[in-house]
Amino acid sequence: MSSWKFDTPNAQAINKARLDHLVSLGLHLQGKTVLEVGSGIGLLTSLFESLGCYVISTDGRESNVAENLSRHPWREGRVFVVDLEGECGHGPFPIFDVVFCYGTLYHTCYPSHVLESLARVCSGMLLLESRVWPVDDRMRHIRTETTAAEDQSLRGYGCQPARDWVMTELQKLFAYSYVTTTQPNHPEFPVTWPVEDSRHKLRSRSVFVASRDPLTSEYLSTSLLDQQGRIA
């Protein structure tokens, strides 16, 4: 059995739920240029490849990039080591139609800086999924992480921002910001807020979409919801 944390049964279940949910939103991603940040070992990239997208993937750890290329050699020249919180960030990169940031923001200590950096290279949509605080209190809640794990923070600190904190930051950077009306089919994605279930309170996740242009979809809401649906 692989020792990579990205290969654990729970990680695989979350990834399947994430991608099934993203597809259900009907966001017309076919043929787009995509920047995937915090890509880990590249297990989510295949969705965009299947849609005919041109994908550039980045991760903060050389070991993750090497493993990505070892498993997916056809991605050579399109996977790079980039520190999201570094001074340059993705500054040297071109502008992309879509920026995809799933499971990464909460591993950073300066999420405002990260979102600003990603907005600068995004001409269309930012697709964002993050662990969030179980209560909407407009805070970002700094927490500690271990730097020894390949799926954790580079600096030993992460955050767990509240949903309203995330929406406020996105509204500063994009003309249109949304939370999804449904949640992925996994217990770490609650559908009732604030989260009362003690088993998942500190592992609550939410999905957001920010866009330069308005998006018309029954699966997107400009307001935070106390109750969300669940995809089949």
C-alpha atoms as a PDB file:
ATOM      1  CA  MET A   1       0.000   0.000   0.000  1.00  0.00           C
ATOM      2  CA  SER A   2       1.238   3.486  -0.839  1.00  0.00           C
ATOM      3  CA  SER A   3       2.559   5.574   2.032  1.00  0.00           C
ATOM      4  CA  TRP A   4       1.408   8.834   0.435  1.00  0.00           C
ATOM      5  CA  LYS A   5      -1.330  10.545   2.448  1.00  0.00           C
ATOM      6  CA  PHE A   6      -3.018  11.483  -0.810  1.00  0.00           C
ATOM      7  CA  ASP A   7      -3.659   7.761  -1.381  1.00  0.00           C
ATOM      8  CA  THR A   8      -5.517   6.978   1.855  1.00  0.00           C
ATOM      9  CA  PRO A   9      -9.120   5.751   1.535  1.00  0.00           C
ATOM     10  CA  ASN A  10     -10.486   8.952   3.102  1.00  0.00           C
ATOM     11  CA  ALA A  11      -8.434  11.158   0.768  1.00  0.00           C
ATOM     12  CA  GLN A  12      -9.697   9.157  -2.215  1.00  0.00           C
ATOM     13  CA  ALA A  13     -13.298   9.458  -0.990  1.00  0.00           C
ATOM     14  CA  ILE A  14     -12.995  13.235  -0.567  1.00  0.00           C
ATOM     15  CA  ASN A  15     -11.466  13.597  -4.027  1.00  0.00           C
ATOM     16  CA  LYS A  16     -14.268  11.607  -5.650  1.00  0.00           C
ATOM     17  CA  ALA A  17     -16.880  13.677  -3.809  1.00  0.00           C
ATOM     18  CA  ARG A  18     -15.140  16.913  -4.815  1.00  0.00           C
ATOM     19  CA  LEU A  19     -14.991  16.064  -8.512  1.00  0.00           C
ATOM     20  CA  ASP A  20     -18.518  14.638  -8.690  1.00  0.00           C
ATOM     21  CA  HIS A  21     -19.791  17.850  -7.108  1.00  0.00           C
ATOM     22  CA  LEU A  22     -17.756  20.112  -9.380  1.00  0.00           C
ATOM     23  CA  VAL A  23     -19.123  18.351 -12.459  1.00  0.00           C
ATOM     24  CA  SER A  24     -22.682  18.726 -11.109  1.00  0.00           C
ATOM     25  CA  LEU A  25     -22.355  22.532 -11.074  1.00  0.00           C
ATOM     26  CA  GLY A  26     -22.380  22.716 -14.885  1.00  0.00           C
ATOM     27  CA  LEU A  27     -19.795  25.493 -15.113  1.00  0.00           C
ATOM     28  CA  HIS A  28     -18.762  24.982 -18.766  1.00  0.00           C
ATOM     29  CA  LEU A  29     -15.091  24.255 -18.133  1.00  0.00           C
ATOM     30  CA  GLN A  30     -14.398  22.569 -21.460  1.00  0.00           C
ATOM     31  CA  GLY A  31     -11.306  23.741 -23.306  1.00  0.00           C
ATOM     32  CA  LYS A  32     -10.270  26.318 -20.708  1.00  0.00           C
ATOM     33  CA  THR A  33      -6.762  27.209 -19.596  1.00  0.00           C
ATOM     34  CA  VAL A  34      -6.495  26.123 -15.963  1.00  0.00           C
ATOM     35  CA  LEU A  35      -4.051  26.898 -13.166  1.00  0.00           C
ATOM     36  CA  GLU A  36      -4.281  24.200 -10.496  1.00  0.00           C
ATOM     37  CA  VAL A  37      -2.594  25.283  -7.251  1.00  0.00           C
ATOM     38  CA  GLY A  38      -1.723  23.044  -4.321  1.00  0.00           C
ATOM     39  CA  SER A  39      -2.036  20.125  -6.718  1.00  0.00           C
ATOM     40  CA  GLY A  40      -0.318  17.595  -4.451  1.00  0.00           C
ATOM     41  CA  ILE A  41       0.536  14.578  -6.569  1.00  0.00           C
ATOM     42  CA  GLY A  42      -1.940  15.500  -9.301  1.00  0.00           C
ATOM     43  CA  LEU A  43      -4.946  13.347  -8.472  1.00  0.00           C
ATOM     44  CA  LEU A  44      -7.552  15.994  -9.378  1.00  0.00           C
ATOM     45  CA  THR A  45      -5.943  17.166 -12.628  1.00  0.00           C
ATOM     46  CA  SER A  46      -7.470  14.374 -14.702  1.00  0.00           C
ATOM     47  CA  LEU A  47     -10.944  15.957 -14.664  1.00  0.00           C
ATOM     48  CA  PHE A  48      -9.689  19.028 -16.507  1.00  0.00           C
ATOM     49  CA  GLU A  49      -7.579  16.912 -18.861  1.00  0.00           C
ATOM     50  CA  SER A  50     -10.706  14.913 -19.743  1.00  0.00           C
ATOM     51  CA  LEU A  51     -12.451  18.194 -20.615  1.00  0.00           C
ATOM     52  CA  GLY A  52      -9.729  19.185 -23.074  1.00  0.00           C
ATOM     53  CA  CYS A  53      -8.286  21.887 -20.824  1.00  0.00           C
ATOM     54  CA  TYR A  54      -4.689  23.068 -20.893  1.00  0.00           C
ATOM     55  CA  VAL A  55      -3.586  22.638 -17.270  1.00  0.00           C
ATOM     56  CA  ILE A  56      -0.598  24.057 -15.411  1.00  0.00           C
ATOM     57  CA  SER A  57      -0.236  22.532 -11.924  1.00  0.00           C
ATOM     58  CA  THR A  58       1.820  23.843  -9.015  1.00  0.00           C
ATOM     59  CA  ASP A  59       2.657  22.643  -5.521  1.00  0.00           C
ATOM     60  CA  GLY A  60       4.904  23.938  -2.771  1.00  0.00           C
ATOM     61  CA  ARG A  61       6.821  20.679  -2.287  1.00  0.00           C
ATOM     62  CA  GLU A  62       9.380  19.314  -4.737  1.00  0.00           C
ATOM     63  CA  SER A  63       8.581  15.767  -3.584  1.00  0.00           C
ATOM     64  CA  ASN A  64       4.920  16.168  -4.561  1.00  0.00           C
ATOM     65  CA  VAL A  65       5.825  17.558  -7.984  1.00  0.00           C
ATOM     66  CA  ALA A  66       8.260  14.682  -8.552  1.00  0.00           C
ATOM     67  CA  GLU A  67       5.608  12.119  -7.586  1.00  0.00           C
ATOM     68  CA  ASN A  68       3.059  13.792  -9.854  1.00  0.00           C
ATOM     69  CA  LEU A  69       5.411  13.539 -12.825  1.00  0.00           C
ATOM     70  CA  SER A  70       6.408   9.995 -11.917  1.00  0.00           C
ATOM     71  CA  ARG A  71       2.776   8.897 -12.039  1.00  0.00           C
ATOM     72  CA  HIS A  72       1.768  11.159 -14.941  1.00  0.00           C
ATOM     73  CA  PRO A  73       4.843  11.585 -17.193  1.00  0.00           C
ATOM     74  CA  TRP A  74       2.792  13.244 -19.956  1.00  0.00           C
ATOM     75  CA  ARG A  75       2.567  16.320 -17.694  1.00  0.00           C
ATOM     76  CA  GLU A  76       6.262  17.074 -18.042  1.00  0.00           C
ATOM     77  CA  GLY A  77       6.754  20.829 -18.508  1.00  0.00           C
ATOM     78  CA  ARG A  78       3.364  21.630 -16.973  1.00  0.00           C
ATOM     79  CA  VAL A  79       3.984  20.929 -13.267  1.00  0.00           C
ATOM     80  CA  PHE A  80       6.039  23.357 -11.162  1.00  0.00           C
ATOM     81  CA  VAL A  81       7.156  24.019  -7.609  1.00  0.00           C
ATOM     82  CA  VAL A  82       5.587  27.284  -6.397  1.00  0.00           C
ATOM     83  CA  ASP A  83       5.288  28.613  -2.851  1.00  0.00           C
ATOM     84  CA  LEU A  84       1.788  30.140  -2.652  1.00  0.00           C
ATOM     85  CA  GLU A  85       2.847  32.445   0.165  1.00  0.00           C
ATOM     86  CA  GLY A  86       6.211  33.336  -1.370  1.00  0.00           C
ATOM     87  CA  GLU A  87       7.047  36.825  -2.532  1.00  0.00           C
ATOM     88  CA  CYS A  88       6.681  36.002  -6.228  1.00  0.00           C
ATOM     89  CA  GLY A  89       3.926  33.423  -5.980  1.00  0.00           C
ATOM     90  CA  HIS A  90       2.410  32.883  -9.426  1.00  0.00           C
ATOM     91  CA  GLY A  91       3.484  36.323 -10.636  1.00  0.00           C
ATOM     92  CA  PRO A  92       5.678  34.996 -13.479  1.00  0.00           C
ATOM     93  CA  PHE A  93       2.827  32.868 -14.838  1.00  0.00           C
ATOM     94  CA  PRO A  94       0.403  33.897 -17.612  1.00  0.00           C
ATOM     95  CA  ILE A  95      -3.280  34.673 -17.101  1.00  0.00           C
ATOM     96  CA  PHE A  96      -5.645  31.686 -16.923  1.00  0.00           C
ATOM     97  CA  ASP A  97      -9.338  31.275 -17.654  1.00  0.00           C
ATOM     98  CA  VAL A  98      -9.794  29.242 -14.479  1.00  0.00           C
ATOM     99  CA  VAL A  99      -7.865  28.975 -11.226  1.00  0.00           C
ATOM    100  CA  PHE A 100      -8.553  25.777  -9.298  1.00  0.00           C
ATOM    101  CA  CYS A 101      -7.709  25.820  -5.580  1.00  0.00           C
ATOM    102  CA  TYR A 102      -9.155  22.816  -3.763  1.00  0.00           C
ATOM    103  CA  GLY A 103      -7.968  21.671  -0.337  1.00  0.00           C
ATOM    104  CA  THR A 104      -5.151  24.220  -0.181  1.00  0.00           C
ATOM    105  CA  LEU A 105      -6.187  27.609   1.250  1.00  0.00           C
ATOM    106  CA  TYR A 106      -6.460  26.314   4.821  1.00  0.00           C
ATOM    107  CA  HIS A 107      -2.841  25.122   4.703  1.00  0.00           C
ATOM    108  CA  THR A 108      -1.712  28.760   4.416  1.00  0.00           C
ATOM    109  CA  CYS A 109      -1.239  31.341   7.161  1.00  0.00           C
ATOM    110  CA  TYR A 110      -1.930  34.385   4.971  1.00  0.00           C
ATOM    111  CA  PRO A 111      -5.042  33.463   2.986  1.00  0.00           C
ATOM    112  CA  SER A 112      -5.754  37.061   1.952  1.00  0.00           C
ATOM    113  CA  HIS A 113      -2.350  37.255   0.264  1.00  0.00           C
ATOM    114  CA  VAL A 114      -2.953  33.910  -1.435  1.00  0.00           C
ATOM    115  CA  LEU A 115      -6.355  34.927  -2.819  1.00  0.00           C
ATOM    116  CA  GLU A 116      -4.995  38.269  -4.048  1.00  0.00           C
ATOM    117  CA  SER A 117      -2.153  36.464  -5.812  1.00  0.00           C
ATOM    118  CA  LEU A 118      -4.502  33.998  -7.481  1.00  0.00           C
ATOM    119  CA  ALA A 119      -6.918  36.735  -8.541  1.00  0.00           C
ATOM    120  CA  ARG A 120      -4.098  38.472 -10.428  1.00  0.00           C
ATOM    121  CA  VAL A 121      -3.653  35.483 -12.755  1.00  0.00           C
ATOM    122  CA  CYS A 122      -7.379  34.725 -13.177  1.00  0.00           C
ATOM    123  CA  SER A 123      -9.394  36.206 -16.036  1.00  0.00           C
ATOM    124  CA  GLY A 124     -12.503  34.087 -15.484  1.00  0.00           C
ATOM    125  CA  MET A 125     -13.380  31.863 -12.535  1.00  0.00           C
ATOM    126  CA  LEU A 126     -11.736  30.914  -9.257  1.00  0.00           C
ATOM    127  CA  LEU A 127     -12.925  27.525  -8.015  1.00  0.00           C
ATOM    128  CA  LEU A 128     -12.225  27.283  -4.294  1.00  0.00           C
ATOM    129  CA  GLU A 129     -12.749  24.532  -1.739  1.00  0.00           C
ATOM    130  CA  SER A 130     -11.440  24.858   1.791  1.00  0.00           C
ATOM    131  CA  ARG A 131     -11.835  23.649   5.320  1.00  0.00           C
ATOM    132  CA  VAL A 132     -13.815  26.379   7.101  1.00  0.00           C
ATOM    133  CA  TRP A 133     -14.805  27.382  10.627  1.00  0.00           C
ATOM    134  CA  PRO A 134     -18.102  25.788  11.717  1.00  0.00           C
ATOM    135  CA  VAL A 135     -19.590  29.199  12.633  1.00  0.00           C
ATOM    136  CA  ASP A 136     -19.795  32.329  10.468  1.00  0.00           C
ATOM    137  CA  ASP A 137     -17.849  34.795  12.641  1.00  0.00           C
ATOM    138  CA  ARG A 138     -15.782  36.712  10.025  1.00  0.00           C
ATOM    139  CA  MET A 139     -12.482  35.360  11.414  1.00  0.00           C
ATOM    140  CA  ARG A 140      -9.666  33.381   9.780  1.00  0.00           C
ATOM    141  CA  HIS A 141      -8.607  31.292  12.830  1.00  0.00           C
ATOM    142  CA  ILE A 142      -4.880  30.515  12.611  1.00  0.00           C
ATOM    143  CA  ARG A 143      -3.871  26.963  13.600  1.00  0.00           C
ATOM    144  CA  THR A 144      -0.701  24.881  13.717  1.00  0.00           C
ATOM    145  CA  GLU A 145       0.236  22.106  11.293  1.00  0.00           C
ATOM    146  CA  THR A 146       3.147  19.732  10.886  1.00  0.00           C
ATOM    147  CA  THR A 147       5.645  20.533   8.147  1.00  0.00           C
ATOM    148  CA  ALA A 148       6.709  16.880   7.977  1.00  0.00           C
ATOM    149  CA  ALA A 149       3.548  15.785   6.131  1.00  0.00           C
ATOM    150  CA  GLU A 150       3.361  16.151   2.349  1.00  0.00           C
ATOM    151  CA  ASP A 151      -0.242  17.386   2.549  1.00  0.00           C
ATOM    152  CA  GLN A 152       0.245  20.059   5.225  1.00  0.00           C
ATOM    153  CA  SER A 153       1.570  23.617   5.569  1.00  0.00           C
ATOM    154  CA  LEU A 154       5.070  24.556   4.423  1.00  0.00           C
ATOM    155  CA  ARG A 155       5.552  26.865   7.405  1.00  0.00           C
ATOM    156  CA  GLY A 156       3.854  25.029  10.259  1.00  0.00           C
ATOM    157  CA  TYR A 157       0.787  27.268  10.324  1.00  0.00           C
ATOM    158  CA  GLY A 158      -2.514  27.120   8.515  1.00  0.00           C
ATOM    159  CA  CYS A 159      -5.951  28.651   9.002  1.00  0.00           C
ATOM    160  CA  GLN A 160      -9.617  27.767   9.197  1.00  0.00           C
ATOM    161  CA  PRO A 161     -11.465  30.799   7.865  1.00  0.00           C
ATOM    162  CA  ALA A 162     -15.161  31.298   8.432  1.00  0.00           C
ATOM    163  CA  ARG A 163     -17.388  31.132   5.355  1.00  0.00           C
ATOM    164  CA  ASP A 164     -18.313  34.804   5.654  1.00  0.00           C
ATOM    165  CA  TRP A 165     -14.620  35.721   5.872  1.00  0.00           C
ATOM    166  CA  VAL A 166     -13.991  33.859   2.601  1.00  0.00           C
ATOM    167  CA  MET A 167     -16.959  35.478   0.852  1.00  0.00           C
ATOM    168  CA  THR A 168     -15.897  38.959   1.971  1.00  0.00           C
ATOM    169  CA  GLU A 169     -12.368  38.438   0.646  1.00  0.00           C
ATOM    170  CA  LEU A 170     -13.639  37.074  -2.670  1.00  0.00           C
ATOM    171  CA  GLN A 171     -15.993  40.035  -3.062  1.00  0.00           C
ATOM    172  CA  LYS A 172     -13.013  42.379  -2.806  1.00  0.00           C
ATOM    173  CA  LEU A 173     -11.294  40.625  -5.704  1.00  0.00           C
ATOM    174  CA  PHE A 174     -14.066  39.499  -8.063  1.00  0.00           C
ATOM    175  CA  ALA A 175     -17.237  41.154  -9.311  1.00  0.00           C
ATOM    176  CA  TYR A 176     -19.290  38.058  -8.490  1.00  0.00           C
ATOM    177  CA  SER A 177     -18.860  35.587  -5.638  1.00  0.00           C
ATOM    178  CA  TYR A 178     -20.948  32.549  -4.801  1.00  0.00           C
ATOM    179  CA  VAL A 179     -21.303  29.661  -2.389  1.00  0.00           C
ATOM    180  CA  THR A 180     -22.710  26.452  -3.841  1.00  0.00           C
ATOM    181  CA  THR A 181     -26.288  25.510  -2.971  1.00  0.00           C
ATOM    182  CA  THR A 182     -25.241  21.859  -2.717  1.00  0.00           C
ATOM    183  CA  GLN A 183     -22.337  20.139  -0.985  1.00  0.00           C
ATOM    184  CA  PRO A 184     -20.189  17.184  -2.049  1.00  0.00           C
ATOM    185  CA  ASN A 185     -21.389  13.815  -0.804  1.00  0.00           C
ATOM    186  CA  HIS A 186     -18.903  13.383   2.052  1.00  0.00           C
ATOM    187  CA  PRO A 187     -19.355  13.894   5.815  1.00  0.00           C
ATOM    188  CA  GLU A 188     -16.709  16.639   5.962  1.00  0.00           C
ATOM    189  CA  PHE A 189     -19.032  18.795   3.826  1.00  0.00           C
ATOM    190  CA  PRO A 190     -21.927  19.702   6.161  1.00  0.00           C
ATOM    191  CA  VAL A 191     -25.256  20.901   4.810  1.00  0.00           C
ATOM    192  CA  THR A 192     -26.516  22.641   7.987  1.00  0.00           C
ATOM    193  CA  TRP A 193     -24.833  25.758   9.425  1.00  0.00           C
ATOM    194  CA  PRO A 194     -23.632  26.492  12.027  1.00  0.00           C
ATOM    195  CA  VAL A 195     -22.193  22.991  12.349  1.00  0.00           C
ATOM    196  CA  GLU A 196     -23.278  21.262  15.552  1.00  0.00           C
ATOM    197  CA  ASP A 197     -22.009  17.736  14.837  1.00  0.00           C
ATOM    198  CA  SER A 198     -18.985  17.398  17.133  1.00  0.00           C
ATOM    199  CA  ARG A 199     -17.440  14.726  14.881  1.00  0.00           C
ATOM    200  CA  HIS A 200     -16.993  17.162  12.011  1.00  0.00           C
ATOM    201  CA  LYS A 201     -17.021  20.605  13.616  1.00  0.00           C
ATOM    202  CA  LEU A 202     -13.314  21.227  13.041  1.00  0.00           C
ATOM    203  CA  ARG A 203     -13.217  19.404   9.713  1.00  0.00           C
ATOM    204  CA  SER A 204     -16.033  21.309   7.998  1.00  0.00           C
ATOM    205  CA  ARG A 205     -15.533  22.173   4.324  1.00  0.00           C
ATOM    206  CA  SER A 206     -17.256  24.469   1.866  1.00  0.00           C
ATOM    207  CA  VAL A 207     -17.109  25.223  -1.869  1.00  0.00           C
ATOM    208  CA  PHE A 208     -17.020  28.720  -3.396  1.00  0.00           C
ATOM    209  CA  VAL A 209     -16.969  30.101  -6.940  1.00  0.00           C
ATOM    210  CA  ALA A 210     -15.757  33.609  -7.791  1.00  0.00           C
ATOM    211  CA  SER A 211     -16.091  35.070 -11.273  1.00  0.00           C
ATOM    212  CA  ARG A 212     -15.328  38.139 -13.370  1.00  0.00           C
ATOM    213  CA  ASP A 213     -18.684  37.716 -15.125  1.00  0.00           C
ATOM    214  CA  PRO A 214     -22.099  36.814 -13.684  1.00  0.00           C
ATOM    215  CA  LEU A 215     -22.943  33.120 -13.538  1.00  0.00           C
ATOM    216  CA  THR A 216     -26.530  31.937 -13.849  1.00  0.00           C
ATOM    217  CA  SER A 217     -27.002  28.615 -12.097  1.00  0.00           C
ATOM    218  CA  GLU A 218     -29.456  27.100  -9.630  1.00  0.00           C
ATOM    219  CA  TYR A 219     -26.409  25.633  -7.894  1.00  0.00           C
ATOM    220  CA  LEU A 220     -24.858  28.991  -6.974  1.00  0.00           C
ATOM    221  CA  SER A 221     -25.951  31.523  -4.352  1.00  0.00           C
ATOM    222  CA  THR A 222     -24.612  35.020  -3.760  1.00  0.00           C
ATOM    223  CA  SER A 223     -25.651  34.703  -0.101  1.00  0.00           C
ATOM    224  CA  LEU A 224     -24.426  32.223   2.479  1.00  0.00           C
ATOM    225  CA  LEU A 225     -26.962  29.502   3.198  1.00  0.00           C
ATOM    226  CA  ASP A 226     -27.925  27.995   6.541  1.00  0.00           C
ATOM    227  CA  GLN A 227     -29.139  24.898   4.715  1.00  0.00           C
ATOM    228  CA  GLN A 228     -27.594  23.347   1.621  1.00  0.00           C
ATOM    229  CA  GLY A 229     -28.541  20.323  -0.463  1.00  0.00           C
ATOM    230  CA  ARG A 230     -26.556  17.189  -1.159  1.00  0.00           C
ATOM    231  CA  ILE A 231     -25.806  15.844  -4.626  1.00  0.00           C
ATOM    232  CA  ALA A 232     -26.869  12.246  -5.218  1.00  0.00           C
END
